[in-house]
Amino acid sequence: MTKFDGLIEAVRYKGGKIELVRAYERRGPTFSDHVLLDRPTLLARLKEGKRFVTGRRQELLASTFEVGKPVNLLIQNGDQVVTTLKQNGQDRLEDVPIF
């Protein structure tokens, strides 16, 4: 994936759901410093069609990232699930460190 709107580099879970993520968001041709997005804000961004991926920023290289997997919003039995897996019953971002 070459074009994305945000990159998630760390996550905090509470009760099996994402509570907070540390991310970088696209600001025109560059990216923001890290921002903290709570669950409702992240869900709103994903519903707007924003594309997020997992990964990490390369040290001292500004808007250069090591990109991981795409983040998906799934609706299962009325529940909203944020995951990098094709099917999953709960929020799960693979290979993303917890903070």
PDB file of N, CA and C in Angstrom:
ATOM      1  N   MET A   1       0.854  -1.174   0.000  1.00  0.00           N
ATOM      2  CA  MET A   1       0.000   0.000   0.000  1.00  0.00           C
ATOM      3  C   MET A   1       0.898   1.235   0.000  1.00  0.00           C
ATOM      4  N   THR A   2       0.724   2.079  -0.969  1.00  0.00           N
ATOM      5  CA  THR A   2       1.597   3.234  -1.078  1.00  0.00           C
ATOM      6  C   THR A   2       0.988   4.494  -0.463  1.00  0.00           C
ATOM      7  N   LYS A   3      -0.301   4.671  -0.580  1.00  0.00           N
ATOM      8  CA  LYS A   3      -0.947   5.888  -0.085  1.00  0.00           C
ATOM      9  C   LYS A   3      -1.824   5.550   1.120  1.00  0.00           C
ATOM     10  N   PHE A   4      -1.581   6.243   2.217  1.00  0.00           N
ATOM     11  CA  PHE A   4      -2.402   6.049   3.405  1.00  0.00           C
ATOM     12  C   PHE A   4      -2.554   7.387   4.108  1.00  0.00           C
ATOM     13  N   ASP A   5      -3.607   7.483   4.932  1.00  0.00           N
ATOM     14  CA  ASP A   5      -3.932   8.734   5.615  1.00  0.00           C
ATOM     15  C   ASP A   5      -3.401   8.785   7.042  1.00  0.00           C
ATOM     16  N   GLY A   6      -3.063   7.626   7.583  1.00  0.00           N
ATOM     17  CA  GLY A   6      -2.549   7.584   8.941  1.00  0.00           C
ATOM     18  C   GLY A   6      -1.808   6.292   9.201  1.00  0.00           C
ATOM     19  N   LEU A   7      -0.875   6.349  10.136  1.00  0.00           N
ATOM     20  CA  LEU A   7      -0.088   5.181  10.507  1.00  0.00           C
ATOM     21  C   LEU A   7      -0.156   5.027  12.020  1.00  0.00           C
ATOM     22  N   ILE A   8      -0.542   3.842  12.475  1.00  0.00           N
ATOM     23  CA  ILE A   8      -0.651   3.555  13.905  1.00  0.00           C
ATOM     24  C   ILE A   8       0.623   2.858  14.359  1.00  0.00           C
ATOM     25  N   GLU A   9       1.299   3.438  15.378  1.00  0.00           N
ATOM     26  CA  GLU A   9       2.547   2.834  15.836  1.00  0.00           C
ATOM     27  C   GLU A   9       2.452   2.217  17.227  1.00  0.00           C
ATOM     28  N   ALA A  10       1.391   2.517  17.985  1.00  0.00           N
ATOM     29  CA  ALA A  10       1.216   1.914  19.305  1.00  0.00           C
ATOM     30  C   ALA A  10      -0.268   1.926  19.652  1.00  0.00           C
ATOM     31  N   VAL A  11      -0.663   0.985  20.510  1.00  0.00           N
ATOM     32  CA  VAL A  11      -2.084   0.828  20.830  1.00  0.00           C
ATOM     33  C   VAL A  11      -2.263   0.544  22.321  1.00  0.00           C
ATOM     34  N   ARG A  12      -3.403   0.936  22.851  1.00  0.00           N
ATOM     35  CA  ARG A  12      -3.781   0.606  24.226  1.00  0.00           C
ATOM     36  C   ARG A  12      -5.174  -0.026  24.165  1.00  0.00           C
ATOM     37  N   TYR A  13      -5.284  -1.221  24.772  1.00  0.00           N
ATOM     38  CA  TYR A  13      -6.555  -1.934  24.804  1.00  0.00           C
ATOM     39  C   TYR A  13      -7.164  -1.853  26.198  1.00  0.00           C
ATOM     40  N   LYS A  14      -8.485  -1.913  26.250  1.00  0.00           N
ATOM     41  CA  LYS A  14      -9.191  -2.021  27.524  1.00  0.00           C
ATOM     42  C   LYS A  14     -10.416  -2.903  27.281  1.00  0.00           C
ATOM     43  N   GLY A  15     -10.470  -4.027  27.969  1.00  0.00           N
ATOM     44  CA  GLY A  15     -11.593  -4.942  27.802  1.00  0.00           C
ATOM     45  C   GLY A  15     -11.697  -5.535  26.408  1.00  0.00           C
ATOM     46  N   GLY A  16     -10.557  -5.748  25.741  1.00  0.00           N
ATOM     47  CA  GLY A  16     -10.559  -6.342  24.409  1.00  0.00           C
ATOM     48  C   GLY A  16     -10.840  -5.375  23.273  1.00  0.00           C
ATOM     49  N   LYS A  17     -11.030  -4.097  23.593  1.00  0.00           N
ATOM     50  CA  LYS A  17     -11.276  -3.086  22.564  1.00  0.00           C
ATOM     51  C   LYS A  17     -10.175  -2.033  22.608  1.00  0.00           C
ATOM     52  N   ILE A  18      -9.912  -1.446  21.454  1.00  0.00           N
ATOM     53  CA  ILE A  18      -8.928  -0.363  21.399  1.00  0.00           C
ATOM     54  C   ILE A  18      -9.466   0.813  22.198  1.00  0.00           C
ATOM     55  N   GLU A  19      -8.651   1.300  23.118  1.00  0.00           N
ATOM     56  CA  GLU A  19      -9.015   2.473  23.901  1.00  0.00           C
ATOM     57  C   GLU A  19      -8.358   3.725  23.310  1.00  0.00           C
ATOM     58  N   LEU A  20      -7.085   3.575  22.861  1.00  0.00           N
ATOM     59  CA  LEU A  20      -6.294   4.708  22.403  1.00  0.00           C
ATOM     60  C   LEU A  20      -5.213   4.205  21.454  1.00  0.00           C
ATOM     61  N   VAL A  21      -4.904   4.985  20.420  1.00  0.00           N
ATOM     62  CA  VAL A  21      -3.770   4.663  19.552  1.00  0.00           C
ATOM     63  C   VAL A  21      -2.867   5.885  19.445  1.00  0.00           C
ATOM     64  N   ARG A  22      -1.584   5.619  19.264  1.00  0.00           N
ATOM     65  CA  ARG A  22      -0.617   6.682  18.953  1.00  0.00           C
ATOM     66  C   ARG A  22      -0.362   6.565  17.461  1.00  0.00           C
ATOM     67  N   ALA A  23      -0.606   7.649  16.752  1.00  0.00           N
ATOM     68  CA  ALA A  23      -0.569   7.585  15.291  1.00  0.00           C
ATOM     69  C   ALA A  23       0.055   8.848  14.702  1.00  0.00           C
ATOM     70  N   TYR A  24       0.323   8.779  13.421  1.00  0.00           N
ATOM     71  CA  TYR A  24       0.734   9.935  12.615  1.00  0.00           C
ATOM     72  C   TYR A  24      -0.336  10.106  11.550  1.00  0.00           C
ATOM     73  N   GLU A  25      -0.786  11.345  11.328  1.00  0.00           N
ATOM     74  CA  GLU A  25      -1.820  11.592  10.324  1.00  0.00           C
ATOM     75  C   GLU A  25      -1.261  12.444   9.194  1.00  0.00           C
ATOM     76  N   ARG A  26      -1.730  12.147   7.984  1.00  0.00           N
ATOM     77  CA  ARG A  26      -1.287  12.892   6.803  1.00  0.00           C
ATOM     78  C   ARG A  26      -1.793  14.325   6.889  1.00  0.00           C
ATOM     79  N   ARG A  27      -0.901  15.251   6.641  1.00  0.00           N
ATOM     80  CA  ARG A  27      -1.221  16.678   6.587  1.00  0.00           C
ATOM     81  C   ARG A  27      -0.703  17.202   5.254  1.00  0.00           C
ATOM     82  N   GLY A  28      -1.478  17.005   4.206  1.00  0.00           N
ATOM     83  CA  GLY A  28      -1.035  17.399   2.873  1.00  0.00           C
ATOM     84  C   GLY A  28       0.097  16.492   2.424  1.00  0.00           C
ATOM     85  N   PRO A  29       1.238  17.059   2.022  1.00  0.00           N
ATOM     86  CA  PRO A  29       2.341  16.227   1.528  1.00  0.00           C
ATOM     87  C   PRO A  29       3.202  15.609   2.628  1.00  0.00           C
ATOM     88  N   THR A  30       2.935  15.941   3.892  1.00  0.00           N
ATOM     89  CA  THR A  30       3.745  15.433   4.995  1.00  0.00           C
ATOM     90  C   THR A  30       2.849  14.840   6.075  1.00  0.00           C
ATOM     91  N   PHE A  31       3.428  14.486   7.213  1.00  0.00           N
ATOM     92  CA  PHE A  31       2.675  13.887   8.312  1.00  0.00           C
ATOM     93  C   PHE A  31       2.845  14.710   9.585  1.00  0.00           C
ATOM     94  N   SER A  32       1.866  14.580  10.463  1.00  0.00           N
ATOM     95  CA  SER A  32       1.896  15.256  11.754  1.00  0.00           C
ATOM     96  C   SER A  32       2.946  14.622  12.658  1.00  0.00           C
ATOM     97  N   ASP A  33       3.236  15.288  13.766  1.00  0.00           N
ATOM     98  CA  ASP A  33       3.923  14.622  14.862  1.00  0.00           C
ATOM     99  C   ASP A  33       2.933  13.592  15.385  1.00  0.00           C
ATOM    100  N   HIS A  34       3.357  12.756  16.328  1.00  0.00           N
ATOM    101  CA  HIS A  34       2.409  11.742  16.785  1.00  0.00           C
ATOM    102  C   HIS A  34       1.225  12.400  17.490  1.00  0.00           C
ATOM    103  N   VAL A  35       0.063  11.791  17.271  1.00  0.00           N
ATOM    104  CA  VAL A  35      -1.183  12.240  17.895  1.00  0.00           C
ATOM    105  C   VAL A  35      -1.802  11.052  18.605  1.00  0.00           C
ATOM    106  N   LEU A  36      -2.595  11.326  19.639  1.00  0.00           N
ATOM    107  CA  LEU A  36      -3.325  10.272  20.330  1.00  0.00           C
ATOM    108  C   LEU A  36      -4.777  10.324  19.869  1.00  0.00           C
ATOM    109  N   LEU A  37      -5.279   9.200  19.374  1.00  0.00           N
ATOM    110  CA  LEU A  37      -6.657   9.102  18.912  1.00  0.00           C
ATOM    111  C   LEU A  37      -7.400   8.117  19.802  1.00  0.00           C
ATOM    112  N   ASP A  38      -8.501   8.555  20.396  1.00  0.00           N
ATOM    113  CA  ASP A  38      -9.306   7.622  21.179  1.00  0.00           C
ATOM    114  C   ASP A  38     -10.158   6.779  20.227  1.00  0.00           C
ATOM    115  N   ARG A  39     -10.817   5.777  20.764  1.00  0.00           N
ATOM    116  CA  ARG A  39     -11.599   4.857  19.939  1.00  0.00           C
ATOM    117  C   ARG A  39     -12.645   5.569  19.069  1.00  0.00           C
ATOM    118  N   PRO A  40     -13.492   6.467  19.645  1.00  0.00           N
ATOM    119  CA  PRO A  40     -14.497   7.127  18.795  1.00  0.00           C
ATOM    120  C   PRO A  40     -13.879   7.931  17.646  1.00  0.00           C
ATOM    121  N   THR A  41     -12.762   8.581  17.901  1.00  0.00           N
ATOM    122  CA  THR A  41     -12.102   9.365  16.847  1.00  0.00           C
ATOM    123  C   THR A  41     -11.547   8.455  15.764  1.00  0.00           C
ATOM    124  N   LEU A  42     -10.906   7.354  16.162  1.00  0.00           N
ATOM    125  CA  LEU A  42     -10.375   6.402  15.184  1.00  0.00           C
ATOM    126  C   LEU A  42     -11.503   5.807  14.345  1.00  0.00           C
ATOM    127  N   LEU A  43     -12.597   5.413  14.996  1.00  0.00           N
ATOM    128  CA  LEU A  43     -13.739   4.858  14.255  1.00  0.00           C
ATOM    129  C   LEU A  43     -14.297   5.877  13.270  1.00  0.00           C
ATOM    130  N   ALA A  44     -14.401   7.132  13.689  1.00  0.00           N
ATOM    131  CA  ALA A  44     -14.911   8.182  12.795  1.00  0.00           C
ATOM    132  C   ALA A  44     -14.012   8.339  11.572  1.00  0.00           C
ATOM    133  N   ARG A  45     -12.689   8.337  11.784  1.00  0.00           N
ATOM    134  CA  ARG A  45     -11.753   8.462  10.657  1.00  0.00           C
ATOM    135  C   ARG A  45     -11.913   7.293   9.681  1.00  0.00           C
ATOM    136  N   LEU A  46     -12.020   6.081  10.218  1.00  0.00           N
ATOM    137  CA  LEU A  46     -12.162   4.895   9.362  1.00  0.00           C
ATOM    138  C   LEU A  46     -13.491   4.923   8.603  1.00  0.00           C
ATOM    139  N   LYS A  47     -14.559   5.367   9.251  1.00  0.00           N
ATOM    140  CA  LYS A  47     -15.872   5.461   8.595  1.00  0.00           C
ATOM    141  C   LYS A  47     -15.873   6.512   7.495  1.00  0.00           C
ATOM    142  N   GLU A  48     -15.049   7.560   7.642  1.00  0.00           N
ATOM    143  CA  GLU A  48     -14.927   8.605   6.618  1.00  0.00           C
ATOM    144  C   GLU A  48     -14.185   8.088   5.382  1.00  0.00           C
ATOM    145  N   GLY A  49     -13.632   6.883   5.490  1.00  0.00           N
ATOM    146  CA  GLY A  49     -12.875   6.324   4.369  1.00  0.00           C
ATOM    147  C   GLY A  49     -11.378   6.560   4.464  1.00  0.00           C
ATOM    148  N   LYS A  50     -10.913   7.095   5.576  1.00  0.00           N
ATOM    149  CA  LYS A  50      -9.466   7.285   5.758  1.00  0.00           C
ATOM    150  C   LYS A  50      -8.799   5.924   5.865  1.00  0.00           C
ATOM    151  N   ARG A  51      -7.656   5.802   5.233  1.00  0.00           N
ATOM    152  CA  ARG A  51      -6.921   4.528   5.239  1.00  0.00           C
ATOM    153  C   ARG A  51      -5.773   4.604   6.231  1.00  0.00           C
ATOM    154  N   PHE A  52      -5.803   3.693   7.204  1.00  0.00           N
ATOM    155  CA  PHE A  52      -4.754   3.611   8.205  1.00  0.00           C
ATOM    156  C   PHE A  52      -3.984   2.307   8.015  1.00  0.00           C
ATOM    157  N   VAL A  53      -2.705   2.348   8.372  1.00  0.00           N
ATOM    158  CA  VAL A  53      -1.854   1.167   8.352  1.00  0.00           C
ATOM    159  C   VAL A  53      -1.120   1.097   9.688  1.00  0.00           C
ATOM    160  N   THR A  54      -0.538  -0.044   9.962  1.00  0.00           N
ATOM    161  CA  THR A  54       0.328  -0.168  11.130  1.00  0.00           C
ATOM    162  C   THR A  54       1.766   0.065  10.674  1.00  0.00           C
ATOM    163  N   GLY A  55       2.640   0.304  11.617  1.00  0.00           N
ATOM    164  CA  GLY A  55       4.049   0.486  11.270  1.00  0.00           C
ATOM    165  C   GLY A  55       4.749   1.350  12.289  1.00  0.00           C
ATOM    166  N   ARG A  56       5.882   1.902  11.859  1.00  0.00           N
ATOM    167  CA  ARG A  56       6.628   2.789  12.754  1.00  0.00           C
ATOM    168  C   ARG A  56       7.408   3.797  11.941  1.00  0.00           C
ATOM    169  N   ARG A  57       7.658   4.933  12.569  1.00  0.00           N
ATOM    170  CA  ARG A  57       8.418   6.018  11.939  1.00  0.00           C
ATOM    171  C   ARG A  57       9.895   5.672  11.997  1.00  0.00           C
ATOM    172  N   GLN A  58      10.607   5.943  10.921  1.00  0.00           N
ATOM    173  CA  GLN A  58      12.051   5.723  10.914  1.00  0.00           C
ATOM    174  C   GLN A  58      12.719   6.911  11.596  1.00  0.00           C
ATOM    175  N   GLU A  59      13.552   6.598  12.548  1.00  0.00           N
ATOM    176  CA  GLU A  59      14.190   7.621  13.360  1.00  0.00           C
ATOM    177  C   GLU A  59      14.997   8.606  12.503  1.00  0.00           C
ATOM    178  N   LEU A  60      14.806   9.890  12.787  1.00  0.00           N
ATOM    179  CA  LEU A  60      15.524  11.003  12.139  1.00  0.00           C
ATOM    180  C   LEU A  60      15.222  11.153  10.649  1.00  0.00           C
ATOM    181  N   LEU A  61      14.140  10.544  10.171  1.00  0.00           N
ATOM    182  CA  LEU A  61      13.815  10.634   8.745  1.00  0.00           C
ATOM    183  C   LEU A  61      12.433  11.235   8.493  1.00  0.00           C
ATOM    184  N   ALA A  62      11.982  12.126   9.360  1.00  0.00           N
ATOM    185  CA  ALA A  62      10.740  12.894   9.205  1.00  0.00           C
ATOM    186  C   ALA A  62       9.557  12.014   8.820  1.00  0.00           C
ATOM    187  N   SER A  63       9.044  12.142   7.614  1.00  0.00           N
ATOM    188  CA  SER A  63       7.839  11.417   7.190  1.00  0.00           C
ATOM    189  C   SER A  63       8.154  10.119   6.462  1.00  0.00           C
ATOM    190  N   THR A  64       9.164   9.405   6.921  1.00  0.00           N
ATOM    191  CA  THR A  64       9.524   8.111   6.336  1.00  0.00           C
ATOM    192  C   THR A  64       9.143   7.024   7.338  1.00  0.00           C
ATOM    193  N   PHE A  65       8.387   6.042   6.859  1.00  0.00           N
ATOM    194  CA  PHE A  65       7.845   5.020   7.750  1.00  0.00           C
ATOM    195  C   PHE A  65       8.150   3.627   7.247  1.00  0.00           C
ATOM    196  N   GLU A  66       8.230   2.693   8.183  1.00  0.00           N
ATOM    197  CA  GLU A  66       8.215   1.273   7.862  1.00  0.00           C
ATOM    198  C   GLU A  66       6.758   0.861   7.965  1.00  0.00           C
ATOM    199  N   VAL A  67       6.147   0.551   6.843  1.00  0.00           N
ATOM    200  CA  VAL A  67       4.720   0.290   6.780  1.00  0.00           C
ATOM    201  C   VAL A  67       4.426  -1.188   7.004  1.00  0.00           C
ATOM    202  N   GLY A  68       3.444  -1.455   7.873  1.00  0.00           N
ATOM    203  CA  GLY A  68       3.019  -2.815   8.171  1.00  0.00           C
ATOM    204  C   GLY A  68       1.765  -3.186   7.395  1.00  0.00           C
ATOM    205  N   LYS A  69       0.711  -3.527   8.132  1.00  0.00           N
ATOM    206  CA  LYS A  69      -0.521  -4.043   7.536  1.00  0.00           C
ATOM    207  C   LYS A  69      -1.622  -2.985   7.521  1.00  0.00           C
ATOM    208  N   PRO A  70      -2.550  -3.099   6.556  1.00  0.00           N
ATOM    209  CA  PRO A  70      -3.695  -2.181   6.551  1.00  0.00           C
ATOM    210  C   PRO A  70      -4.634  -2.466   7.719  1.00  0.00           C
ATOM    211  N   VAL A  71      -5.249  -1.419   8.227  1.00  0.00           N
ATOM    212  CA  VAL A  71      -6.203  -1.518   9.333  1.00  0.00           C
ATOM    213  C   VAL A  71      -7.611  -1.516   8.741  1.00  0.00           C
ATOM    214  N   ASN A  72      -8.433  -2.464   9.173  1.00  0.00           N
ATOM    215  CA  ASN A  72      -9.784  -2.611   8.645  1.00  0.00           C
ATOM    216  C   ASN A  72     -10.818  -2.362   9.733  1.00  0.00           C
ATOM    217  N   LEU A  73     -11.947  -1.810   9.336  1.00  0.00           N
ATOM    218  CA  LEU A  73     -13.096  -1.670  10.223  1.00  0.00           C
ATOM    219  C   LEU A  73     -14.131  -2.683   9.774  1.00  0.00           C
ATOM    220  N   LEU A  74     -14.442  -3.639  10.637  1.00  0.00           N
ATOM    221  CA  LEU A  74     -15.420  -4.677  10.331  1.00  0.00           C
ATOM    222  C   LEU A  74     -16.642  -4.486  11.222  1.00  0.00           C
ATOM    223  N   ILE A  75     -17.811  -4.756  10.666  1.00  0.00           N
ATOM    224  CA  ILE A  75     -19.050  -4.737  11.444  1.00  0.00           C
ATOM    225  C   ILE A  75     -19.498  -6.185  11.585  1.00  0.00           C
ATOM    226  N   GLN A  76     -19.525  -6.688  12.828  1.00  0.00           N
ATOM    227  CA  GLN A  76     -19.898  -8.082  13.096  1.00  0.00           C
ATOM    228  C   GLN A  76     -20.960  -8.106  14.184  1.00  0.00           C
ATOM    229  N   ASN A  77     -22.137  -8.572  13.825  1.00  0.00           N
ATOM    230  CA  ASN A  77     -23.256  -8.654  14.780  1.00  0.00           C
ATOM    231  C   ASN A  77     -23.522  -7.318  15.464  1.00  0.00           C
ATOM    232  N   GLY A  78     -23.401  -6.244  14.719  1.00  0.00           N
ATOM    233  CA  GLY A  78     -23.637  -4.914  15.264  1.00  0.00           C
ATOM    234  C   GLY A  78     -22.452  -4.300  15.979  1.00  0.00           C
ATOM    235  N   ASP A  79     -21.400  -5.084  16.205  1.00  0.00           N
ATOM    236  CA  ASP A  79     -20.191  -4.574  16.856  1.00  0.00           C
ATOM    237  C   ASP A  79     -19.210  -4.056  15.806  1.00  0.00           C
ATOM    238  N   GLN A  80     -18.487  -3.000  16.154  1.00  0.00           N
ATOM    239  CA  GLN A  80     -17.443  -2.461  15.286  1.00  0.00           C
ATOM    240  C   GLN A  80     -16.108  -2.998  15.766  1.00  0.00           C
ATOM    241  N   VAL A  81     -15.386  -3.654  14.850  1.00  0.00           N
ATOM    242  CA  VAL A  81     -14.116  -4.289  15.180  1.00  0.00           C
ATOM    243  C   VAL A  81     -13.023  -3.657  14.321  1.00  0.00           C
ATOM    244  N   VAL A  82     -11.958  -3.204  14.970  1.00  0.00           N
ATOM    245  CA  VAL A  82     -10.800  -2.630  14.273  1.00  0.00           C
ATOM    246  C   VAL A  82      -9.700  -3.674  14.312  1.00  0.00           C
ATOM    247  N   THR A  83      -9.251  -4.114  13.135  1.00  0.00           N
ATOM    248  CA  THR A  83      -8.302  -5.223  13.085  1.00  0.00           C
ATOM    249  C   THR A  83      -7.432  -5.176  11.834  1.00  0.00           C
ATOM    250  N   THR A  84      -6.319  -5.889  11.892  1.00  0.00           N
ATOM    251  CA  THR A  84      -5.485  -6.078  10.709  1.00  0.00           C
ATOM    252  C   THR A  84      -5.740  -7.460  10.112  1.00  0.00           C
ATOM    253  N   LEU A  85      -6.582  -8.233  10.753  1.00  0.00           N
ATOM    254  CA  LEU A  85      -6.919  -9.577  10.279  1.00  0.00           C
ATOM    255  C   LEU A  85      -8.151  -9.514   9.384  1.00  0.00           C
ATOM    256  N   LYS A  86      -8.343 -10.520   8.545  1.00  0.00           N
ATOM    257  CA  LYS A  86      -9.512 -10.569   7.660  1.00  0.00           C
ATOM    258  C   LYS A  86     -10.792 -10.776   8.451  1.00  0.00           C
ATOM    259  N   GLN A  87     -10.750 -11.659   9.433  1.00  0.00           N
ATOM    260  CA  GLN A  87     -11.901 -11.893  10.301  1.00  0.00           C
ATOM    261  C   GLN A  87     -11.407 -12.030  11.723  1.00  0.00           C
ATOM    262  N   ASN A  88     -12.095 -11.361  12.618  1.00  0.00           N
ATOM    263  CA  ASN A  88     -11.708 -11.417  14.019  1.00  0.00           C
ATOM    264  C   ASN A  88     -12.889 -10.956  14.845  1.00  0.00           C
ATOM    265  N   GLY A  89     -13.073 -11.526  16.012  1.00  0.00           N
ATOM    266  CA  GLY A  89     -14.200 -11.172  16.863  1.00  0.00           C
ATOM    267  C   GLY A  89     -13.934  -9.999  17.778  1.00  0.00           C
ATOM    268  N   GLN A  90     -12.667  -9.552  17.843  1.00  0.00           N
ATOM    269  CA  GLN A  90     -12.338  -8.420  18.711  1.00  0.00           C
ATOM    270  C   GLN A  90     -11.258  -7.580  18.062  1.00  0.00           C
ATOM    271  N   ASP A  91     -11.065  -6.385  18.606  1.00  0.00           N
ATOM    272  CA  ASP A  91     -10.021  -5.492  18.092  1.00  0.00           C
ATOM    273  C   ASP A  91      -8.671  -6.170  18.218  1.00  0.00           C
ATOM    274  N   ARG A  92      -7.870  -6.083  17.148  1.00  0.00           N
ATOM    275  CA  ARG A  92      -6.527  -6.676  17.183  1.00  0.00           C
ATOM    276  C   ARG A  92      -5.684  -6.046  16.095  1.00  0.00           C
ATOM    277  N   LEU A  93      -4.617  -5.389  16.502  1.00  0.00           N
ATOM    278  CA  LEU A  93      -3.641  -4.829  15.556  1.00  0.00           C
ATOM    279  C   LEU A  93      -2.363  -5.640  15.719  1.00  0.00           C
ATOM    280  N   GLU A  94      -2.119  -6.519  14.763  1.00  0.00           N
ATOM    281  CA  GLU A  94      -0.958  -7.408  14.820  1.00  0.00           C
ATOM    282  C   GLU A  94       0.355  -6.625  14.791  1.00  0.00           C
ATOM    283  N   ASP A  95       1.296  -7.072  15.590  1.00  0.00           N
ATOM    284  CA  ASP A  95       2.662  -6.533  15.609  1.00  0.00           C
ATOM    285  C   ASP A  95       2.740  -5.060  16.013  1.00  0.00           C
ATOM    286  N   VAL A  96       1.688  -4.530  16.637  1.00  0.00           N
ATOM    287  CA  VAL A  96       1.713  -3.150  17.106  1.00  0.00           C
ATOM    288  C   VAL A  96       1.954  -3.185  18.611  1.00  0.00           C
ATOM    289  N   PRO A  97       3.017  -2.516  19.081  1.00  0.00           N
ATOM    290  CA  PRO A  97       3.309  -2.549  20.520  1.00  0.00           C
ATOM    291  C   PRO A  97       2.222  -1.855  21.348  1.00  0.00           C
ATOM    292  N   ILE A  98       2.071  -2.322  22.568  1.00  0.00           N
ATOM    293  CA  ILE A  98       1.108  -1.744  23.497  1.00  0.00           C
ATOM    294  C   ILE A  98       1.817  -0.670  24.317  1.00  0.00           C
ATOM    295  N   PHE A  99       1.132   0.438  24.537  1.00  0.00           N
ATOM    296  CA  PHE A  99       1.697   1.490  25.394  1.00  0.00           C
ATOM    297  C   PHE A  99       0.765   1.800  26.533  1.00  0.00           C
TER     298      PHE A  99
END
